[in-house]
Amino acid sequence: MPFPEARGPVRLKPMASTFRDVDPRTLHVPSSRLGGADPIKLARQISKYAAASDGMPPPWVYEGTDGELVIFNGVTRATRIAKLAPGKLIRVEVSARFGRPLQPCNDWRFVAMIEPTRQEILDRLARLSELAPDMRFGS
């Protein structure tokens, strides 16, 4: 569910980038990715990196005036860590602020990362990646 249209256009306020360590389960996905991470890309990352986050580029996030963070780049990476290492903190780069709160006024919260109903599909895709490591699942 995207933000209510009545709230007006989103205005980003550029800021000097700062880095924070956050639990990826608390991050919001952008309205263009309400379904969460691409399951094929996620399965590929899981089979290649598992729960490792060493050397992982920090996802880029924007901050709302309420302190909530939305991922701009790195949804799949953050989802992988949230799924395989719950509670593990990741470093994110906060590069801009929204000129409004990210929480909609009725306190409805966007789905953070991944829907539980996708779990079985992702597990099967990860298993398929293990069985056929040379097979290409996406572009």
N, C-alpha and C. Protein backbone atom coordinates (compact mmCIF):
# COMPACT_ATOMS: atom_id res chain seq x y z
N MET A 1 0.85 -1.18 0.00
CA MET A 1 0.00 0.00 0.00
C MET A 1 0.89 1.24 0.00
N PRO A 2 0.83 2.04 -1.04
CA PRO A 2 1.67 3.23 -1.08
C PRO A 2 1.17 4.29 -0.12
N PHE A 3 1.97 5.31 0.04
CA PHE A 3 1.59 6.41 0.92
C PHE A 3 0.35 7.09 0.37
N PRO A 4 -0.50 7.61 1.24
CA PRO A 4 -1.70 8.30 0.77
C PRO A 4 -1.33 9.48 -0.11
N GLU A 5 -2.03 9.65 -1.23
CA GLU A 5 -1.75 10.73 -2.17
C GLU A 5 -1.99 12.10 -1.53
N ALA A 6 -2.89 12.17 -0.57
CA ALA A 6 -3.24 13.46 0.04
C ALA A 6 -2.05 14.10 0.75
N ARG A 7 -1.03 13.34 1.02
CA ARG A 7 0.11 13.89 1.75
C ARG A 7 1.02 14.71 0.86
N GLY A 8 0.78 14.71 -0.43
CA GLY A 8 1.57 15.53 -1.34
C GLY A 8 2.81 14.82 -1.83
N PRO A 9 3.56 15.48 -2.71
CA PRO A 9 4.75 14.85 -3.27
C PRO A 9 5.85 14.68 -2.22
N VAL A 10 6.67 13.69 -2.47
CA VAL A 10 7.79 13.42 -1.57
C VAL A 10 8.92 14.39 -1.90
N ARG A 11 9.44 15.05 -0.92
CA ARG A 11 10.57 15.95 -1.11
C ARG A 11 11.75 15.39 -0.33
N LEU A 12 12.85 15.18 -1.05
CA LEU A 12 14.05 14.68 -0.40
C LEU A 12 14.96 15.86 -0.07
N LYS A 13 15.51 15.83 1.11
CA LYS A 13 16.46 16.85 1.53
C LYS A 13 17.84 16.21 1.56
N PRO A 14 18.70 16.57 0.60
CA PRO A 14 20.04 15.98 0.60
C PRO A 14 20.77 16.29 1.90
N MET A 15 21.63 15.40 2.29
CA MET A 15 22.41 15.58 3.50
C MET A 15 23.73 14.85 3.32
N ALA A 16 24.69 15.19 4.15
CA ALA A 16 25.94 14.44 4.13
C ALA A 16 25.64 13.01 4.57
N SER A 17 26.18 12.06 3.84
CA SER A 17 25.92 10.66 4.17
C SER A 17 26.43 10.32 5.56
N THR A 18 25.60 9.57 6.28
CA THR A 18 26.01 9.05 7.59
C THR A 18 25.79 7.55 7.56
N PHE A 19 26.52 6.85 8.40
CA PHE A 19 26.40 5.39 8.45
C PHE A 19 25.83 5.00 9.81
N ARG A 20 24.92 4.02 9.79
CA ARG A 20 24.32 3.52 11.02
C ARG A 20 24.26 2.00 10.97
N ASP A 21 24.29 1.38 12.12
CA ASP A 21 24.08 -0.05 12.22
C ASP A 21 22.63 -0.27 12.65
N VAL A 22 21.87 -0.99 11.82
CA VAL A 22 20.44 -1.19 12.09
C VAL A 22 20.08 -2.65 11.87
N ASP A 23 18.98 -3.05 12.47
CA ASP A 23 18.41 -4.38 12.23
C ASP A 23 17.66 -4.30 10.90
N PRO A 24 18.03 -5.09 9.89
CA PRO A 24 17.38 -4.97 8.59
C PRO A 24 15.88 -5.28 8.61
N ARG A 25 15.40 -5.97 9.65
CA ARG A 25 13.97 -6.26 9.74
C ARG A 25 13.15 -5.00 10.02
N THR A 26 13.80 -3.91 10.45
CA THR A 26 13.08 -2.68 10.75
C THR A 26 13.02 -1.73 9.57
N LEU A 27 13.73 -2.05 8.49
CA LEU A 27 13.75 -1.18 7.32
C LEU A 27 12.47 -1.35 6.50
N HIS A 28 12.04 -0.27 5.87
CA HIS A 28 10.87 -0.30 5.00
C HIS A 28 11.34 -0.48 3.56
N VAL A 29 10.51 -1.12 2.76
CA VAL A 29 10.80 -1.22 1.34
C VAL A 29 10.15 -0.04 0.64
N PRO A 30 10.70 0.39 -0.49
CA PRO A 30 10.09 1.52 -1.21
C PRO A 30 8.77 1.09 -1.84
N SER A 31 7.95 2.06 -2.19
CA SER A 31 6.64 1.75 -2.77
C SER A 31 6.79 1.00 -4.09
N SER A 32 7.91 1.14 -4.75
CA SER A 32 8.13 0.41 -6.01
C SER A 32 8.47 -1.06 -5.76
N ARG A 33 8.75 -1.43 -4.51
CA ARG A 33 9.13 -2.81 -4.18
C ARG A 33 8.30 -3.35 -3.01
N LEU A 34 7.02 -3.05 -2.96
CA LEU A 34 6.20 -3.47 -1.83
C LEU A 34 6.17 -4.98 -1.65
N GLY A 35 6.44 -5.72 -2.72
CA GLY A 35 6.49 -7.17 -2.62
C GLY A 35 7.78 -7.67 -2.00
N GLY A 36 8.71 -6.79 -1.72
CA GLY A 36 9.98 -7.18 -1.13
C GLY A 36 11.02 -7.50 -2.19
N ALA A 37 11.99 -8.30 -1.79
CA ALA A 37 13.08 -8.66 -2.68
C ALA A 37 12.62 -9.58 -3.79
N ASP A 38 13.29 -9.49 -4.92
CA ASP A 38 13.05 -10.40 -6.05
C ASP A 38 13.44 -11.81 -5.60
N PRO A 39 12.50 -12.77 -5.60
CA PRO A 39 12.79 -14.11 -5.06
C PRO A 39 13.93 -14.83 -5.78
N ILE A 40 14.03 -14.64 -7.09
CA ILE A 40 15.10 -15.31 -7.85
C ILE A 40 16.46 -14.72 -7.46
N LYS A 41 16.54 -13.41 -7.41
CA LYS A 41 17.79 -12.75 -7.03
C LYS A 41 18.16 -13.10 -5.60
N LEU A 42 17.16 -13.15 -4.72
CA LEU A 42 17.40 -13.50 -3.32
C LEU A 42 17.94 -14.93 -3.21
N ALA A 43 17.33 -15.86 -3.93
CA ALA A 43 17.81 -17.25 -3.89
C ALA A 43 19.25 -17.34 -4.39
N ARG A 44 19.56 -16.58 -5.43
CA ARG A 44 20.92 -16.58 -5.96
C ARG A 44 21.91 -16.05 -4.92
N GLN A 45 21.55 -14.95 -4.25
CA GLN A 45 22.43 -14.40 -3.22
C GLN A 45 22.57 -15.35 -2.03
N ILE A 46 21.48 -16.00 -1.66
CA ILE A 46 21.54 -16.95 -0.53
C ILE A 46 22.48 -18.10 -0.86
N SER A 47 22.37 -18.62 -2.09
CA SER A 47 23.24 -19.75 -2.45
C SER A 47 24.70 -19.33 -2.56
N LYS A 48 24.94 -18.08 -2.90
CA LYS A 48 26.33 -17.61 -3.08
C LYS A 48 26.96 -17.11 -1.78
N TYR A 49 26.20 -16.35 -0.97
CA TYR A 49 26.77 -15.69 0.20
C TYR A 49 26.23 -16.21 1.54
N ALA A 50 25.12 -16.93 1.54
CA ALA A 50 24.45 -17.37 2.77
C ALA A 50 24.21 -16.16 3.68
N ALA A 51 24.55 -16.25 4.96
CA ALA A 51 24.28 -15.16 5.90
C ALA A 51 25.46 -14.20 6.04
N ALA A 52 26.49 -14.38 5.22
CA ALA A 52 27.68 -13.53 5.34
C ALA A 52 27.38 -12.09 4.95
N SER A 53 27.89 -11.18 5.74
CA SER A 53 27.75 -9.77 5.39
C SER A 53 29.11 -9.08 5.29
N ASP A 54 30.18 -9.82 5.48
CA ASP A 54 31.53 -9.24 5.36
C ASP A 54 31.75 -8.79 3.92
N GLY A 55 32.18 -7.54 3.76
CA GLY A 55 32.44 -7.00 2.44
C GLY A 55 31.20 -6.58 1.68
N MET A 56 30.03 -6.72 2.29
CA MET A 56 28.78 -6.34 1.63
C MET A 56 28.67 -4.82 1.60
N PRO A 57 28.42 -4.23 0.43
CA PRO A 57 28.23 -2.78 0.38
C PRO A 57 27.03 -2.38 1.22
N PRO A 58 27.10 -1.27 1.95
CA PRO A 58 25.95 -0.88 2.77
C PRO A 58 24.77 -0.45 1.91
N PRO A 59 23.58 -0.95 2.22
CA PRO A 59 22.39 -0.47 1.49
C PRO A 59 22.22 1.04 1.70
N TRP A 60 21.69 1.70 0.69
CA TRP A 60 21.41 3.14 0.79
C TRP A 60 19.99 3.30 1.31
N VAL A 61 19.81 4.16 2.28
CA VAL A 61 18.48 4.39 2.85
C VAL A 61 18.20 5.87 2.94
N TYR A 62 16.92 6.20 2.98
CA TYR A 62 16.45 7.56 3.25
C TYR A 62 15.76 7.53 4.60
N GLU A 63 15.79 8.66 5.29
CA GLU A 63 15.18 8.75 6.62
C GLU A 63 13.98 9.68 6.59
N GLY A 64 12.88 9.26 7.22
CA GLY A 64 11.71 10.11 7.35
C GLY A 64 11.87 11.02 8.55
N THR A 65 11.02 12.01 8.68
CA THR A 65 11.10 12.91 9.82
C THR A 65 10.77 12.20 11.13
N ASP A 66 10.17 10.99 11.03
CA ASP A 66 9.87 10.20 12.22
C ASP A 66 11.00 9.24 12.58
N GLY A 67 12.13 9.30 11.83
CA GLY A 67 13.27 8.45 12.14
C GLY A 67 13.23 7.09 11.46
N GLU A 68 12.13 6.75 10.80
CA GLU A 68 12.03 5.48 10.08
C GLU A 68 12.89 5.53 8.82
N LEU A 69 13.40 4.36 8.41
CA LEU A 69 14.29 4.28 7.25
C LEU A 69 13.65 3.46 6.14
N VAL A 70 13.80 3.92 4.89
CA VAL A 70 13.33 3.19 3.72
C VAL A 70 14.54 2.91 2.82
N ILE A 71 14.61 1.68 2.31
CA ILE A 71 15.75 1.29 1.48
C ILE A 71 15.59 1.85 0.07
N PHE A 72 16.64 2.49 -0.42
CA PHE A 72 16.66 3.00 -1.78
C PHE A 72 17.42 2.04 -2.68
N ASN A 73 18.45 1.42 -2.17
CA ASN A 73 19.26 0.49 -2.93
C ASN A 73 19.77 -0.58 -1.96
N GLY A 74 19.49 -1.84 -2.23
CA GLY A 74 19.98 -2.93 -1.39
C GLY A 74 18.90 -3.75 -0.72
N VAL A 75 17.69 -3.76 -1.30
CA VAL A 75 16.59 -4.51 -0.71
C VAL A 75 16.93 -6.00 -0.59
N THR A 76 17.50 -6.57 -1.64
CA THR A 76 17.80 -8.00 -1.63
C THR A 76 18.87 -8.33 -0.60
N ARG A 77 19.91 -7.52 -0.51
CA ARG A 77 20.97 -7.77 0.48
C ARG A 77 20.42 -7.70 1.90
N ALA A 78 19.63 -6.66 2.17
CA ALA A 78 19.07 -6.51 3.51
C ALA A 78 18.09 -7.64 3.84
N THR A 79 17.31 -8.07 2.85
CA THR A 79 16.37 -9.17 3.05
C THR A 79 17.10 -10.45 3.39
N ARG A 80 18.20 -10.71 2.68
CA ARG A 80 18.98 -11.93 2.91
C ARG A 80 19.48 -11.99 4.34
N ILE A 81 20.01 -10.90 4.85
CA ILE A 81 20.52 -10.88 6.22
C ILE A 81 19.37 -10.98 7.21
N ALA A 82 18.25 -10.28 6.94
CA ALA A 82 17.09 -10.34 7.83
C ALA A 82 16.54 -11.75 7.92
N LYS A 83 16.57 -12.48 6.81
CA LYS A 83 16.01 -13.83 6.75
C LYS A 83 16.94 -14.86 7.40
N LEU A 84 18.24 -14.76 7.09
CA LEU A 84 19.17 -15.80 7.52
C LEU A 84 19.86 -15.51 8.85
N ALA A 85 19.88 -14.26 9.26
CA ALA A 85 20.54 -13.90 10.52
C ALA A 85 19.68 -12.89 11.28
N PRO A 86 18.47 -13.30 11.72
CA PRO A 86 17.58 -12.37 12.42
C PRO A 86 18.27 -11.74 13.62
N GLY A 87 18.12 -10.44 13.73
CA GLY A 87 18.73 -9.73 14.85
C GLY A 87 20.12 -9.21 14.58
N LYS A 88 20.76 -9.69 13.50
CA LYS A 88 22.10 -9.22 13.15
C LYS A 88 21.99 -7.82 12.57
N LEU A 89 22.83 -6.92 13.02
CA LEU A 89 22.82 -5.55 12.53
C LEU A 89 23.64 -5.44 11.25
N ILE A 90 23.18 -4.58 10.35
CA ILE A 90 23.95 -4.28 9.15
C ILE A 90 24.20 -2.78 9.11
N ARG A 91 25.26 -2.40 8.44
CA ARG A 91 25.57 -0.98 8.27
C ARG A 91 24.81 -0.47 7.06
N VAL A 92 24.12 0.66 7.21
CA VAL A 92 23.42 1.31 6.10
C VAL A 92 23.95 2.72 5.95
N GLU A 93 23.82 3.24 4.74
CA GLU A 93 24.23 4.62 4.46
C GLU A 93 22.98 5.48 4.31
N VAL A 94 22.81 6.43 5.21
CA VAL A 94 21.66 7.35 5.16
C VAL A 94 22.11 8.55 4.34
N SER A 95 21.49 8.73 3.16
CA SER A 95 21.97 9.77 2.24
C SER A 95 21.01 10.93 2.03
N ALA A 96 19.76 10.80 2.51
CA ALA A 96 18.80 11.90 2.35
C ALA A 96 17.68 11.74 3.36
N ARG A 97 16.92 12.82 3.53
CA ARG A 97 15.76 12.79 4.43
C ARG A 97 14.52 13.13 3.64
N PHE A 98 13.44 12.40 3.94
CA PHE A 98 12.14 12.75 3.39
C PHE A 98 11.64 13.96 4.17
N GLY A 99 10.86 14.80 3.52
CA GLY A 99 10.31 15.96 4.19
C GLY A 99 9.05 15.65 4.97
N ARG A 100 8.80 14.38 5.23
CA ARG A 100 7.60 13.96 5.97
C ARG A 100 7.89 12.63 6.66
N PRO A 101 7.02 12.23 7.58
CA PRO A 101 7.21 10.92 8.22
C PRO A 101 7.00 9.79 7.22
N LEU A 102 7.66 8.67 7.44
CA LEU A 102 7.46 7.51 6.58
C LEU A 102 6.24 6.72 7.02
N GLN A 103 5.92 6.79 8.31
CA GLN A 103 4.76 6.07 8.81
C GLN A 103 3.50 6.76 8.31
N PRO A 104 2.61 6.04 7.60
CA PRO A 104 1.34 6.66 7.22
C PRO A 104 0.55 7.06 8.46
N CYS A 105 -0.33 8.04 8.31
CA CYS A 105 -1.02 8.63 9.44
C CYS A 105 -1.89 7.64 10.21
N ASN A 106 -2.35 6.55 9.60
CA ASN A 106 -3.20 5.61 10.33
C ASN A 106 -2.38 4.54 11.04
N ASP A 107 -1.08 4.74 11.15
CA ASP A 107 -0.17 3.83 11.84
C ASP A 107 -0.02 2.49 11.14
N TRP A 108 -0.48 2.40 9.91
CA TRP A 108 -0.24 1.19 9.14
C TRP A 108 1.23 1.15 8.77
N ARG A 109 1.86 0.02 8.90
CA ARG A 109 3.29 -0.10 8.66
C ARG A 109 3.52 -0.95 7.41
N PHE A 110 4.41 -0.47 6.56
CA PHE A 110 4.77 -1.24 5.38
C PHE A 110 5.39 -2.55 5.81
N VAL A 111 5.24 -3.54 4.97
CA VAL A 111 5.85 -4.83 5.23
C VAL A 111 7.36 -4.63 5.23
N ALA A 112 7.99 -5.03 6.30
CA ALA A 112 9.44 -4.91 6.37
C ALA A 112 10.06 -6.15 5.73
N MET A 113 10.76 -5.93 4.69
CA MET A 113 11.51 -6.95 3.97
C MET A 113 10.67 -7.97 3.24
N ILE A 114 10.30 -9.08 3.87
CA ILE A 114 9.78 -10.21 3.12
C ILE A 114 8.54 -10.80 3.79
N GLU A 115 7.59 -11.21 2.98
CA GLU A 115 6.37 -11.81 3.51
C GLU A 115 6.63 -13.26 3.90
N PRO A 116 6.12 -13.71 5.03
CA PRO A 116 6.33 -15.10 5.46
C PRO A 116 5.80 -16.12 4.44
N THR A 117 4.80 -15.74 3.66
CA THR A 117 4.23 -16.69 2.70
C THR A 117 5.21 -17.04 1.58
N ARG A 118 6.24 -16.25 1.39
CA ARG A 118 7.24 -16.54 0.36
C ARG A 118 8.33 -17.49 0.84
N GLN A 119 8.34 -17.78 2.11
CA GLN A 119 9.42 -18.59 2.70
C GLN A 119 9.63 -19.91 1.96
N GLU A 120 8.57 -20.65 1.71
CA GLU A 120 8.70 -21.96 1.06
C GLU A 120 9.28 -21.82 -0.34
N ILE A 121 8.81 -20.83 -1.09
CA ILE A 121 9.34 -20.62 -2.45
C ILE A 121 10.82 -20.31 -2.40
N LEU A 122 11.21 -19.45 -1.50
CA LEU A 122 12.62 -19.07 -1.40
C LEU A 122 13.49 -20.24 -0.98
N ASP A 123 12.98 -21.07 -0.07
CA ASP A 123 13.73 -22.25 0.35
C ASP A 123 13.93 -23.21 -0.82
N ARG A 124 12.88 -23.38 -1.61
CA ARG A 124 12.99 -24.29 -2.76
C ARG A 124 13.93 -23.72 -3.82
N LEU A 125 13.88 -22.41 -4.03
CA LEU A 125 14.79 -21.80 -4.99
C LEU A 125 16.24 -21.91 -4.52
N ALA A 126 16.47 -21.74 -3.23
CA ALA A 126 17.82 -21.89 -2.69
C ALA A 126 18.29 -23.33 -2.88
N ARG A 127 17.41 -24.29 -2.65
CA ARG A 127 17.77 -25.70 -2.84
C ARG A 127 18.06 -25.98 -4.31
N LEU A 128 17.25 -25.43 -5.20
CA LEU A 128 17.47 -25.59 -6.63
C LEU A 128 18.81 -24.99 -7.05
N SER A 129 19.17 -23.86 -6.48
CA SER A 129 20.46 -23.24 -6.77
C SER A 129 21.61 -24.14 -6.33
N GLU A 130 21.43 -24.83 -5.21
CA GLU A 130 22.46 -25.76 -4.74
C GLU A 130 22.60 -26.95 -5.69
N LEU A 131 21.46 -27.44 -6.19
CA LEU A 131 21.47 -28.60 -7.07
C LEU A 131 21.97 -28.29 -8.48
N ALA A 132 21.74 -27.07 -8.93
CA ALA A 132 22.14 -26.67 -10.28
C ALA A 132 22.88 -25.34 -10.24
N PRO A 133 24.10 -25.32 -9.70
CA PRO A 133 24.81 -24.04 -9.51
C PRO A 133 25.12 -23.33 -10.83
N ASP A 134 25.19 -24.05 -11.95
CA ASP A 134 25.50 -23.42 -13.23
C ASP A 134 24.28 -22.89 -13.96
N MET A 135 23.09 -23.19 -13.44
CA MET A 135 21.85 -22.74 -14.09
C MET A 135 21.63 -21.27 -13.78
N ARG A 136 21.22 -20.52 -14.79
CA ARG A 136 20.96 -19.10 -14.62
C ARG A 136 19.46 -18.89 -14.45
N PHE A 137 19.07 -18.19 -13.37
CA PHE A 137 17.65 -18.00 -13.07
C PHE A 137 17.11 -16.63 -13.46
N GLY A 138 17.94 -15.72 -13.83
CA GLY A 138 17.48 -14.38 -14.15
C GLY A 138 18.43 -13.69 -15.09
N SER A 139 18.20 -12.44 -15.31
CA SER A 139 19.05 -11.70 -16.23
C SER A 139 20.24 -11.10 -15.53
